[in-house]
N, C-alpha and C. Protein backbone atom coordinates (compact mmCIF):
# COMPACT_ATOMS: atom_id res chain seq x y z
N MET A 1 -65.46 -109.59 -26.82
CA MET A 1 -66.29 -109.91 -25.73
C MET A 1 -67.72 -109.76 -26.58
N LYS A 2 -68.06 -108.77 -27.47
CA LYS A 2 -69.25 -108.61 -27.99
C LYS A 2 -69.79 -109.84 -29.14
N ALA A 3 -68.79 -110.25 -29.89
CA ALA A 3 -68.57 -111.53 -30.54
C ALA A 3 -69.82 -112.71 -29.91
N GLY A 4 -68.78 -112.71 -28.32
CA GLY A 4 -70.01 -113.61 -27.52
C GLY A 4 -71.48 -113.73 -27.34
N TYR A 5 -71.67 -112.31 -26.99
CA TYR A 5 -72.99 -112.02 -27.01
C TYR A 5 -73.97 -112.11 -28.15
N LEU A 6 -73.58 -111.57 -29.08
CA LEU A 6 -73.89 -111.99 -30.55
C LEU A 6 -74.24 -113.31 -31.04
N THR A 7 -73.26 -114.21 -30.74
CA THR A 7 -73.25 -115.73 -30.70
C THR A 7 -74.56 -116.57 -30.00
N ALA A 8 -74.22 -115.88 -28.38
CA ALA A 8 -75.45 -116.78 -27.96
C ALA A 8 -76.89 -116.15 -27.95
N LEU A 9 -77.01 -114.86 -28.34
CA LEU A 9 -77.99 -114.42 -28.92
C LEU A 9 -78.49 -114.87 -30.08
N LEU A 10 -77.78 -115.41 -31.58
CA LEU A 10 -78.10 -116.23 -32.17
C LEU A 10 -78.81 -117.63 -32.16
N ILE A 11 -77.85 -117.94 -31.00
CA ILE A 11 -78.16 -119.45 -30.90
C ILE A 11 -79.45 -119.69 -29.92
N GLY A 12 -79.80 -118.52 -29.36
CA GLY A 12 -81.03 -118.52 -28.73
C GLY A 12 -82.22 -118.30 -29.71
N ALA A 13 -81.90 -117.79 -30.37
CA ALA A 13 -83.07 -117.07 -31.47
C ALA A 13 -83.31 -118.37 -32.51
N THR A 14 -82.34 -119.28 -32.58
CA THR A 14 -82.27 -120.34 -33.75
C THR A 14 -83.31 -121.25 -32.89
N ALA A 15 -82.87 -121.58 -31.40
CA ALA A 15 -83.36 -122.71 -31.10
C ALA A 15 -84.95 -122.24 -30.57
N LEU A 16 -85.20 -120.92 -30.54
CA LEU A 16 -86.32 -120.59 -30.38
C LEU A 16 -87.25 -120.70 -31.81
N SER A 17 -86.58 -120.35 -32.58
CA SER A 17 -87.50 -120.30 -34.22
C SER A 17 -87.82 -122.30 -34.15
N ALA A 18 -86.89 -122.95 -33.46
CA ALA A 18 -87.15 -124.54 -34.21
C ALA A 18 -88.73 -124.44 -33.42
N CYS A 19 -89.15 -123.90 -32.37
CA CYS A 19 -90.24 -124.29 -31.76
C CYS A 19 -91.77 -123.95 -32.16
N ALA A 20 -91.56 -122.55 -33.22
CA ALA A 20 -92.50 -122.23 -33.77
C ALA A 20 -93.10 -122.74 -34.83
N THR A 21 -94.21 -122.64 -34.57
CA THR A 21 -95.18 -123.89 -35.97
C THR A 21 -96.11 -122.71 -36.38
N ASP A 22 -96.51 -122.97 -37.81
CA ASP A 22 -97.64 -122.30 -38.38
C ASP A 22 -98.80 -122.73 -38.15
N ARG A 23 -98.80 -124.25 -37.85
CA ARG A 23 -100.53 -124.67 -37.83
C ARG A 23 -101.33 -123.94 -36.68
N GLU A 24 -102.61 -123.86 -37.03
CA GLU A 24 -103.46 -123.12 -36.10
C GLU A 24 -104.00 -124.15 -35.31
N GLU A 25 -104.16 -123.80 -33.76
CA GLU A 25 -104.64 -124.99 -33.01
C GLU A 25 -106.00 -125.05 -33.23
N ILE A 26 -106.59 -126.18 -32.74
CA ILE A 26 -107.96 -126.21 -32.79
C ILE A 26 -108.57 -126.16 -31.60
N VAL A 27 -109.61 -125.31 -31.14
CA VAL A 27 -109.99 -125.13 -30.05
C VAL A 27 -110.88 -125.77 -30.24
N ALA A 28 -111.70 -126.36 -28.84
CA ALA A 28 -112.76 -126.90 -28.32
C ALA A 28 -113.55 -126.10 -28.15
N PRO A 29 -115.11 -126.84 -28.40
CA PRO A 29 -115.98 -125.73 -27.71
C PRO A 29 -116.34 -125.65 -26.55
N ALA A 30 -117.03 -124.22 -25.81
CA ALA A 30 -116.84 -124.67 -24.41
C ALA A 30 -118.19 -125.88 -23.92
N PRO A 31 -118.04 -126.58 -22.87
CA PRO A 31 -118.66 -127.40 -22.41
C PRO A 31 -120.17 -126.84 -22.26
N PRO A 32 -121.22 -127.23 -22.26
CA PRO A 32 -122.61 -127.01 -22.23
C PRO A 32 -122.82 -126.75 -21.04
N THR A 33 -123.61 -125.31 -20.53
CA THR A 33 -123.64 -125.05 -19.07
C THR A 33 -124.47 -126.21 -18.28
N GLY A 34 -124.87 -126.25 -16.93
CA GLY A 34 -125.51 -126.92 -16.26
C GLY A 34 -126.62 -126.72 -15.93
N PRO A 35 -127.44 -127.52 -15.50
CA PRO A 35 -128.94 -127.06 -15.10
C PRO A 35 -128.94 -125.97 -13.94
N GLY A 36 -129.74 -124.70 -14.38
CA GLY A 36 -130.01 -123.50 -13.55
C GLY A 36 -128.60 -122.50 -13.96
N ALA A 37 -127.54 -122.71 -14.52
CA ALA A 37 -126.71 -121.75 -14.81
C ALA A 37 -126.90 -121.05 -15.87
N ILE A 38 -126.59 -119.76 -15.84
CA ILE A 38 -126.95 -118.71 -17.43
C ILE A 38 -125.77 -118.12 -17.58
N ALA A 39 -125.50 -118.71 -19.03
CA ALA A 39 -124.18 -118.25 -19.51
C ALA A 39 -123.62 -116.84 -19.58
N GLY A 40 -122.43 -116.79 -19.21
CA GLY A 40 -122.39 -115.38 -19.67
C GLY A 40 -122.20 -114.69 -17.56
N THR A 41 -122.57 -115.76 -16.73
CA THR A 41 -122.43 -115.27 -15.59
C THR A 41 -121.75 -115.96 -14.73
N VAL A 42 -121.44 -115.41 -13.50
CA VAL A 42 -120.37 -116.13 -12.35
C VAL A 42 -121.50 -116.02 -11.09
N ALA A 43 -121.43 -117.79 -10.95
CA ALA A 43 -122.05 -117.92 -9.33
C ALA A 43 -121.37 -117.05 -7.96
N ALA A 44 -122.27 -117.09 -7.18
CA ALA A 44 -121.86 -115.73 -6.23
C ALA A 44 -122.52 -116.72 -5.01
N ASP A 45 -121.31 -116.68 -3.98
CA ASP A 45 -121.91 -117.06 -2.46
C ASP A 45 -121.98 -115.87 -1.38
N SER A 46 -122.75 -115.46 -1.42
CA SER A 46 -122.76 -113.55 -0.34
C SER A 46 -122.21 -114.04 0.72
N ASN A 47 -122.70 -115.19 1.46
CA ASN A 47 -122.63 -115.26 2.94
C ASN A 47 -121.49 -116.12 3.34
N GLY A 48 -121.27 -117.32 2.23
CA GLY A 48 -120.20 -117.89 2.57
C GLY A 48 -120.24 -119.27 3.57
N ASP A 49 -121.84 -119.60 2.66
CA ASP A 49 -122.35 -121.21 3.67
C ASP A 49 -121.70 -122.28 2.58
N GLY A 50 -121.13 -121.70 1.75
CA GLY A 50 -121.01 -122.77 0.19
C GLY A 50 -122.29 -123.46 -0.49
N ILE A 51 -123.25 -122.28 -0.30
CA ILE A 51 -124.45 -122.71 -1.09
C ILE A 51 -124.45 -121.26 -1.88
N VAL A 52 -124.74 -121.38 -3.55
CA VAL A 52 -124.73 -120.42 -4.39
C VAL A 52 -126.29 -119.28 -3.92
N ASP A 53 -126.03 -117.97 -3.62
CA ASP A 53 -127.37 -117.58 -3.13
C ASP A 53 -127.27 -116.29 -4.65
N GLY A 54 -126.49 -116.37 -5.57
CA GLY A 54 -126.97 -115.39 -6.96
C GLY A 54 -126.22 -115.43 -7.80
N TYR A 55 -125.75 -114.72 -8.57
CA TYR A 55 -125.02 -114.91 -9.52
C TYR A 55 -124.67 -113.28 -10.08
N TYR A 56 -123.44 -113.09 -10.55
CA TYR A 56 -123.07 -111.77 -11.30
C TYR A 56 -123.07 -111.85 -12.44
N THR A 57 -123.63 -110.74 -13.05
CA THR A 57 -123.71 -110.72 -14.55
C THR A 57 -122.29 -109.97 -15.09
N PRO A 58 -122.38 -110.08 -16.35
CA PRO A 58 -121.00 -109.26 -16.82
C PRO A 58 -120.86 -107.83 -16.32
N ASP A 59 -121.85 -107.14 -16.22
CA ASP A 59 -121.71 -105.70 -15.59
C ASP A 59 -121.25 -105.54 -14.19
N GLY A 60 -121.35 -106.69 -13.28
CA GLY A 60 -120.58 -106.59 -12.05
C GLY A 60 -122.33 -106.38 -11.17
N VAL A 61 -123.27 -106.73 -11.81
CA VAL A 61 -124.69 -106.31 -10.87
C VAL A 61 -124.78 -107.95 -10.45
N PHE A 62 -124.88 -107.83 -9.08
CA PHE A 62 -125.67 -108.99 -8.38
C PHE A 62 -126.78 -109.24 -8.54
N HIS A 63 -127.25 -110.47 -8.61
CA HIS A 63 -128.97 -111.03 -8.65
C HIS A 63 -129.04 -111.82 -8.18
N PRO A 64 -129.51 -112.14 -6.77
CA PRO A 64 -130.12 -112.90 -6.25
C PRO A 64 -131.04 -114.06 -6.90
N ILE A 65 -130.75 -114.87 -6.44
CA ILE A 65 -131.44 -116.25 -6.44
C ILE A 65 -132.87 -116.15 -5.62
N SER A 66 -133.95 -115.88 -6.57
CA SER A 66 -135.52 -116.23 -5.89
C SER A 66 -136.81 -117.09 -6.33
N GLY A 67 -136.19 -118.12 -5.46
CA GLY A 67 -136.95 -119.48 -5.32
C GLY A 67 -137.87 -119.83 -4.38
N PRO A 68 -138.49 -120.55 -4.10
CA PRO A 68 -139.56 -120.83 -3.66
C PRO A 68 -139.23 -121.23 -2.03
N PRO A 69 -139.42 -120.98 -0.98
CA PRO A 69 -138.64 -121.52 0.54
C PRO A 69 -138.70 -122.94 0.33
N CYS A 70 -137.35 -123.33 1.78
CA CYS A 70 -137.46 -124.70 1.73
C CYS A 70 -138.33 -125.13 2.35
N PRO A 71 -139.23 -126.47 2.11
CA PRO A 71 -139.92 -126.90 3.38
C PRO A 71 -138.96 -127.03 4.63
N PRO A 72 -140.11 -127.05 5.41
CA PRO A 72 -139.47 -127.73 6.98
C PRO A 72 -139.26 -128.84 7.06
N PRO A 73 -138.03 -129.27 8.08
CA PRO A 73 -137.87 -130.58 8.19
C PRO A 73 -138.87 -131.57 8.56
N PRO A 74 -138.97 -132.83 8.47
CA PRO A 74 -139.90 -133.35 9.03
C PRO A 74 -140.05 -133.61 10.64
N PRO A 75 -141.09 -133.68 11.14
CA PRO A 75 -141.02 -134.24 12.57
C PRO A 75 -140.11 -135.08 13.43
N PRO A 76 -139.80 -135.56 14.10
CA PRO A 76 -138.89 -136.26 14.55
C PRO A 76 -139.79 -137.38 14.98
N PRO A 77 -139.67 -138.55 14.82
CA PRO A 77 -139.99 -139.87 14.97
C PRO A 77 -140.63 -140.26 16.37
N PRO A 78 -142.02 -140.82 16.62
CA PRO A 78 -142.25 -140.85 17.90
C PRO A 78 -141.46 -141.61 18.73
N PRO A 79 -141.55 -141.78 20.17
CA PRO A 79 -140.74 -142.68 20.72
C PRO A 79 -141.42 -144.25 20.54
N THR A 80 -140.23 -145.23 20.64
CA THR A 80 -140.71 -146.30 20.64
C THR A 80 -141.04 -147.00 21.83
N PRO A 81 -142.32 -148.01 21.80
CA PRO A 81 -143.00 -148.51 23.17
C PRO A 81 -141.85 -149.69 23.97
N ARG A 82 -140.80 -149.87 23.41
CA ARG A 82 -139.66 -150.39 24.08
C ARG A 82 -138.79 -150.01 24.90
N GLY A 83 -137.84 -150.47 25.40
CA GLY A 83 -136.83 -149.93 26.71
C GLY A 83 -137.47 -149.89 28.21
N GLU A 84 -136.98 -149.06 29.40
CA GLU A 84 -137.18 -148.86 30.37
C GLU A 84 -138.29 -147.97 30.38
N ARG A 85 -139.30 -148.25 31.50
CA ARG A 85 -140.53 -147.56 31.78
C ARG A 85 -140.31 -146.84 32.59
N GLY A 86 -140.47 -145.38 33.18
CA GLY A 86 -140.34 -144.80 34.51
C GLY A 86 -140.65 -143.62 34.37
């Protein structure tokens, strides 16, 4: 019975050694960061609205994004002179 285990072990080792190679794989460089991105940080959405509110640095500190406030929406268009008057 021990010979069966030894045979299975040798067949398994032989099969796995056939997959091993000595070649070093070439690793592609990291893609460039997008506009506004800071290398080494993780974007964070603190209130869950789907918009990035800040980022975390590798030491775990949250830094909010402080930019100018968004402009107010434009006023609604005036009513058209067509249609029912009353």
